[in-house]
Protein backbone atom coordinates (compact mmCIF):
# COMPACT_ATOMS: atom_id res chain seq x y z
CA MET A 1 -39.97 75.54 91.48
CA GLY A 2 -37.23 73.08 90.59
CA ILE A 3 -34.07 72.19 92.42
CA ILE A 4 -31.32 74.82 92.73
CA LEU A 5 -27.70 73.70 92.32
CA TYR A 6 -24.77 75.89 93.37
CA ASP A 7 -22.10 75.02 90.82
CA LEU A 8 -18.42 76.02 90.94
CA ALA A 9 -17.54 78.52 88.18
CA GLY A 10 -14.40 80.12 86.82
CA GLU A 11 -13.85 83.70 85.69
CA ASP A 12 -16.26 82.89 82.88
CA PRO A 13 -19.48 82.08 84.77
CA SER A 14 -20.37 79.48 82.14
CA LEU A 15 -17.18 77.51 82.91
CA ARG A 16 -18.31 74.90 85.45
CA PHE A 17 -15.43 72.65 86.46
CA SER A 18 -15.89 71.01 89.85
CA PRO A 19 -15.57 67.19 89.61
CA TYR A 20 -18.06 66.86 92.43
CA CYS A 21 -20.58 69.26 90.91
CA TRP A 22 -20.38 67.26 87.69
CA ARG A 23 -21.36 64.14 89.62
CA THR A 24 -24.41 65.99 90.85
CA ARG A 25 -25.30 67.53 87.50
CA LEU A 26 -25.36 64.10 85.86
CA ALA A 27 -27.24 62.57 88.78
CA LEU A 28 -29.93 65.24 88.47
CA ALA A 29 -30.12 64.69 84.70
CA HIS A 30 -30.34 60.91 85.23
CA LYS A 31 -33.27 61.46 87.57
CA GLY A 32 -34.92 63.75 85.03
CA LEU A 33 -35.27 66.56 87.56
CA GLU A 34 -35.66 70.21 86.71
CA VAL A 35 -32.67 72.18 87.99
CA GLU A 36 -31.46 75.77 88.01
CA THR A 37 -27.68 76.03 88.26
CA ILE A 38 -26.19 79.08 89.94
CA PRO A 39 -22.52 79.94 89.39
CA TRP A 40 -20.58 79.96 92.66
CA ARG A 41 -16.97 80.76 93.44
CA PHE A 42 -14.59 79.62 96.16
CA THR A 43 -14.78 82.86 98.15
CA GLU A 44 -18.58 83.09 98.14
CA LYS A 45 -19.03 80.90 101.19
CA ASP A 46 -21.65 83.25 102.62
CA VAL A 47 -23.97 82.40 99.73
CA ILE A 48 -24.20 78.75 100.81
CA ALA A 49 -24.04 79.43 104.55
CA PRO A 50 -27.46 77.78 105.15
CA SER A 51 -25.84 74.46 104.16
CA MET A 52 -23.66 74.79 107.32
CA GLN A 53 -20.41 74.27 105.38
CA GLY A 54 -18.40 76.00 102.67
CA ARG A 55 -18.13 73.73 99.64
CA VAL A 56 -20.18 72.84 96.59
CA PRO A 57 -22.10 71.03 95.29
CA VAL A 58 -25.05 72.25 97.30
CA ILE A 59 -28.64 71.79 96.24
CA VAL A 60 -31.76 73.45 97.57
CA ASP A 61 -34.90 71.37 97.17
CA GLY A 62 -38.14 72.75 98.56
CA GLY A 63 -36.26 74.83 101.11
CA ARG A 64 -34.01 71.97 102.19
CA TRP A 65 -30.26 72.48 101.78
CA ILE A 66 -28.13 69.40 101.05
CA SER A 67 -24.36 69.41 100.52
CA ASP A 68 -21.77 66.81 99.45
CA SER A 69 -22.15 64.93 96.17
CA TRP A 70 -22.68 61.52 97.79
CA ALA A 71 -25.25 62.86 100.25
CA ILE A 72 -27.04 64.58 97.38
CA ALA A 73 -27.11 61.39 95.31
CA THR A 74 -28.58 59.31 98.14
CA TYR A 75 -31.06 62.08 98.91
CA LEU A 76 -32.25 62.14 95.29
CA GLU A 77 -32.60 58.36 95.24
CA LEU A 78 -34.70 58.33 98.42
CA THR A 79 -36.73 61.43 97.66
CA TYR A 80 -37.54 60.59 94.05
CA PRO A 81 -37.92 56.78 94.03
CA ASP A 82 -40.22 56.81 90.99
CA ASN A 83 -37.57 58.46 88.82
CA PRO A 84 -34.82 56.37 87.18
CA THR A 85 -32.58 54.81 89.80
CA LEU A 86 -29.02 56.01 90.30
CA PHE A 87 -27.85 52.81 91.97
CA SER A 88 -30.10 49.96 90.83
CA GLY A 89 -30.64 48.62 94.34
CA MET A 90 -28.75 48.38 97.60
CA ALA A 91 -25.92 46.30 96.12
CA GLY A 92 -25.46 48.92 93.43
CA LEU A 93 -25.41 51.63 96.06
CA ALA A 94 -22.63 49.85 97.93
CA LEU A 95 -20.61 49.37 94.75
CA SER A 96 -21.19 53.00 93.78
CA ARG A 97 -19.69 54.03 97.09
CA LEU A 98 -16.54 52.12 96.10
CA TYR A 99 -16.43 53.78 92.69
CA SER A 100 -16.95 57.15 94.35
CA ALA A 101 -13.98 56.47 96.60
CA HIS A 102 -11.88 55.61 93.54
CA ALA A 103 -13.04 58.86 91.94
CA ASP A 104 -11.97 60.78 95.04
CA ILE A 105 -8.51 59.26 94.67
CA LEU A 106 -8.48 60.23 90.98
CA VAL A 107 -9.14 63.84 91.94
CA GLY A 108 -5.97 63.81 94.00
CA THR A 109 -4.04 62.01 91.27
CA ILE A 110 -5.15 64.36 88.48
CA PHE A 111 -4.66 67.58 90.44
CA PRO A 112 -0.84 67.70 89.94
CA PHE A 113 -1.42 67.66 86.19
CA ILE A 114 -3.90 70.56 86.06
CA ALA A 115 -3.44 72.68 89.19
CA LEU A 116 -1.85 75.60 87.35
CA ASP A 117 -4.44 75.40 84.57
CA ILE A 118 -7.25 75.63 87.11
CA PHE A 119 -5.59 78.71 88.61
CA ALA A 120 -5.47 80.36 85.18
CA ASN A 121 -9.24 79.99 84.80
CA LEU A 122 -10.30 81.48 88.13
CA HIS A 123 -12.08 84.74 88.81
CA GLU A 124 -9.70 87.31 90.26
CA LYS A 125 -11.44 87.21 93.62
CA ASP A 126 -10.66 83.50 93.90
CA SER A 127 -7.08 83.53 92.62
CA GLN A 128 -5.25 84.40 95.83
CA TYR A 129 -7.42 82.08 97.91
CA PHE A 130 -6.81 79.17 95.56
CA ARG A 131 -3.06 79.69 95.27
CA SER A 132 -2.45 80.17 98.98
CA SER A 133 -4.69 77.31 100.13
CA ARG A 134 -3.44 74.81 97.55
CA GLU A 135 0.22 75.73 97.95
CA ALA A 136 -0.13 75.30 101.70
CA ARG A 137 -1.66 71.89 101.03
CA VAL A 138 1.03 70.64 98.63
CA GLY A 139 3.96 72.44 100.25
CA LYS A 140 5.32 74.17 97.14
CA PRO A 141 4.40 76.75 94.48
CA LEU A 142 1.87 75.58 91.92
CA GLU A 143 4.47 75.97 89.18
CA ALA A 144 6.82 73.54 90.92
CA PHE A 145 3.95 71.22 91.78
CA VAL A 146 2.96 70.83 88.13
CA ALA A 147 6.50 70.75 86.70
CA GLY A 148 7.41 67.51 84.94
CA ARG A 149 3.81 66.43 84.44
CA GLN A 150 4.56 64.84 81.07
CA ASP A 151 6.96 62.45 82.80
CA ARG A 152 4.22 61.36 85.20
CA LEU A 153 1.64 60.72 82.51
CA ALA A 154 2.57 57.12 81.63
CA PRO A 155 2.33 55.85 85.24
CA PHE A 156 -1.00 57.63 85.61
CA ARG A 157 -2.37 55.94 82.51
CA GLU A 158 -1.11 52.57 83.73
CA SER A 159 -2.97 53.08 87.00
CA LEU A 160 -6.27 53.04 85.09
CA ALA A 161 -5.84 49.38 84.11
CA PRO A 162 -8.58 48.04 86.46
CA PHE A 163 -11.12 50.36 84.87
CA ARG A 164 -10.11 49.23 81.39
CA LEU A 165 -10.67 45.60 82.36
CA VAL A 166 -14.25 46.40 83.35
CA LEU A 167 -14.87 48.25 80.08
CA LYS A 168 -13.70 45.25 78.04
CA THR A 169 -17.07 43.56 78.60
CA GLN A 170 -19.51 46.44 79.11
CA PRO A 171 -19.92 50.01 77.85
CA PHE A 172 -20.44 51.61 81.27
CA PHE A 173 -19.40 50.85 84.82
CA GLY A 174 -23.10 50.52 85.56
CA GLY A 175 -23.41 47.85 82.84
CA GLU A 176 -25.33 48.46 79.65
CA GLN A 177 -26.49 51.83 80.95
CA PRO A 178 -24.67 54.39 83.12
CA LEU A 179 -25.33 54.63 86.84
CA TYR A 180 -23.93 56.84 89.58
CA ALA A 181 -20.64 54.91 89.49
CA ASP A 182 -20.10 56.33 86.00
CA TYR A 183 -20.98 59.85 87.07
CA ALA A 184 -18.53 59.71 89.96
CA LEU A 185 -15.68 58.61 87.69
CA PHE A 186 -16.65 61.05 84.95
CA GLY A 187 -16.24 64.02 87.29
CA PRO A 188 -12.41 64.09 87.55
CA PHE A 189 -11.93 63.71 83.80
CA GLN A 190 -14.48 66.40 83.00
CA TRP A 191 -12.75 68.62 85.58
CA ALA A 192 -9.54 68.24 83.58
CA ARG A 193 -11.28 68.69 80.24
CA CYS A 194 -12.94 71.93 81.36
CA THR A 195 -9.79 73.54 82.73
CA SER A 196 -6.82 72.18 80.80
CA SER A 197 -5.62 71.31 77.31
CA PHE A 198 -3.35 68.61 78.77
CA ALA A 199 -4.53 65.22 77.45
CA LEU A 200 -4.84 62.63 80.21
CA LEU A 201 -6.19 59.82 78.04
CA GLU A 202 -4.94 58.44 74.75
CA GLY A 203 -7.44 58.24 71.92
CA THR A 204 -7.10 54.45 71.72
CA ASP A 205 -7.76 53.95 75.44
CA PRO A 206 -11.07 52.24 76.31
CA MET A 207 -11.37 54.85 79.05
CA HIS A 208 -11.32 57.51 76.34
CA ALA A 209 -14.13 55.74 74.46
CA TRP A 210 -16.12 55.49 77.70
CA PHE A 211 -15.55 59.19 78.38
CA GLU A 212 -16.79 60.06 74.90
CA ARG A 213 -19.97 58.08 75.55
CA MET A 214 -20.40 59.92 78.84
CA LEU A 215 -20.02 63.31 77.16
CA ASP A 216 -22.96 62.51 74.87
CA LEU A 217 -25.39 61.59 77.64
CA PHE A 218 -28.44 63.75 78.30
CA ASP A 219 -28.30 65.58 74.96
CA GLY A 220 -24.60 66.27 75.31
CA LEU A 221 -24.69 67.84 78.76
CA GLY A 222 -20.99 67.19 79.29
CA ARG A 223 -19.85 67.72 75.72
CA ASN A 224 -21.59 71.08 75.34
CA ALA A 225 -19.97 72.53 78.45
CA PRO A 226 -17.25 75.15 77.88
CA ALA A 227 -13.99 73.21 77.79
CA TYR A 228 -10.51 73.17 76.28
CA ASN A 229 -11.21 70.01 74.31
CA ARG A 230 -14.61 70.27 72.66
CA ALA A 231 -14.03 67.30 70.31
């Protein structure tokens, strides 16, 4: 039996949109591991209770429950050392931790652009939970939180300048081939792509070209996912 992945889903069970689950999905594909993905929703915390927490991604591997995308990645690297490496050594692991931290920040930065779009895609049993928990977090209605997003787009794009500088000399953040650093940064942009028609990246942006390359990895795993922008 292969690995089981609990993967955040919208009203449509095929819509998988968690930025952190996408990190894990690409990490599993990179390792070449067989995986069964199970759609999971915010209010189904009882389903993943054996993981001793209430968020996904969660994997089950041979009866062992592992949660948190970073913990899962390091577990896969240690448990399957003969499969392709996610980090390319200890130095790469340390640098991937930095990229993962940047990706965590991107999640927070992108959320004000797509919060209301995420809400529109949720299963009815998740809608009230999502609205109440996120509005308590941001201190205002989702509609007010997202208002004026077009005006905030240019500063957001400018903030990506360090990533563009890296991509001037190499196709992936991992170098000539993608590594976990790429999967971590891919997650927030795929999250937006799967839930919103709002374009975060310009077509001429090197980040856009990188994202397109990422979508085509592993026989189009990212590109073939249900999304608002299938191009």
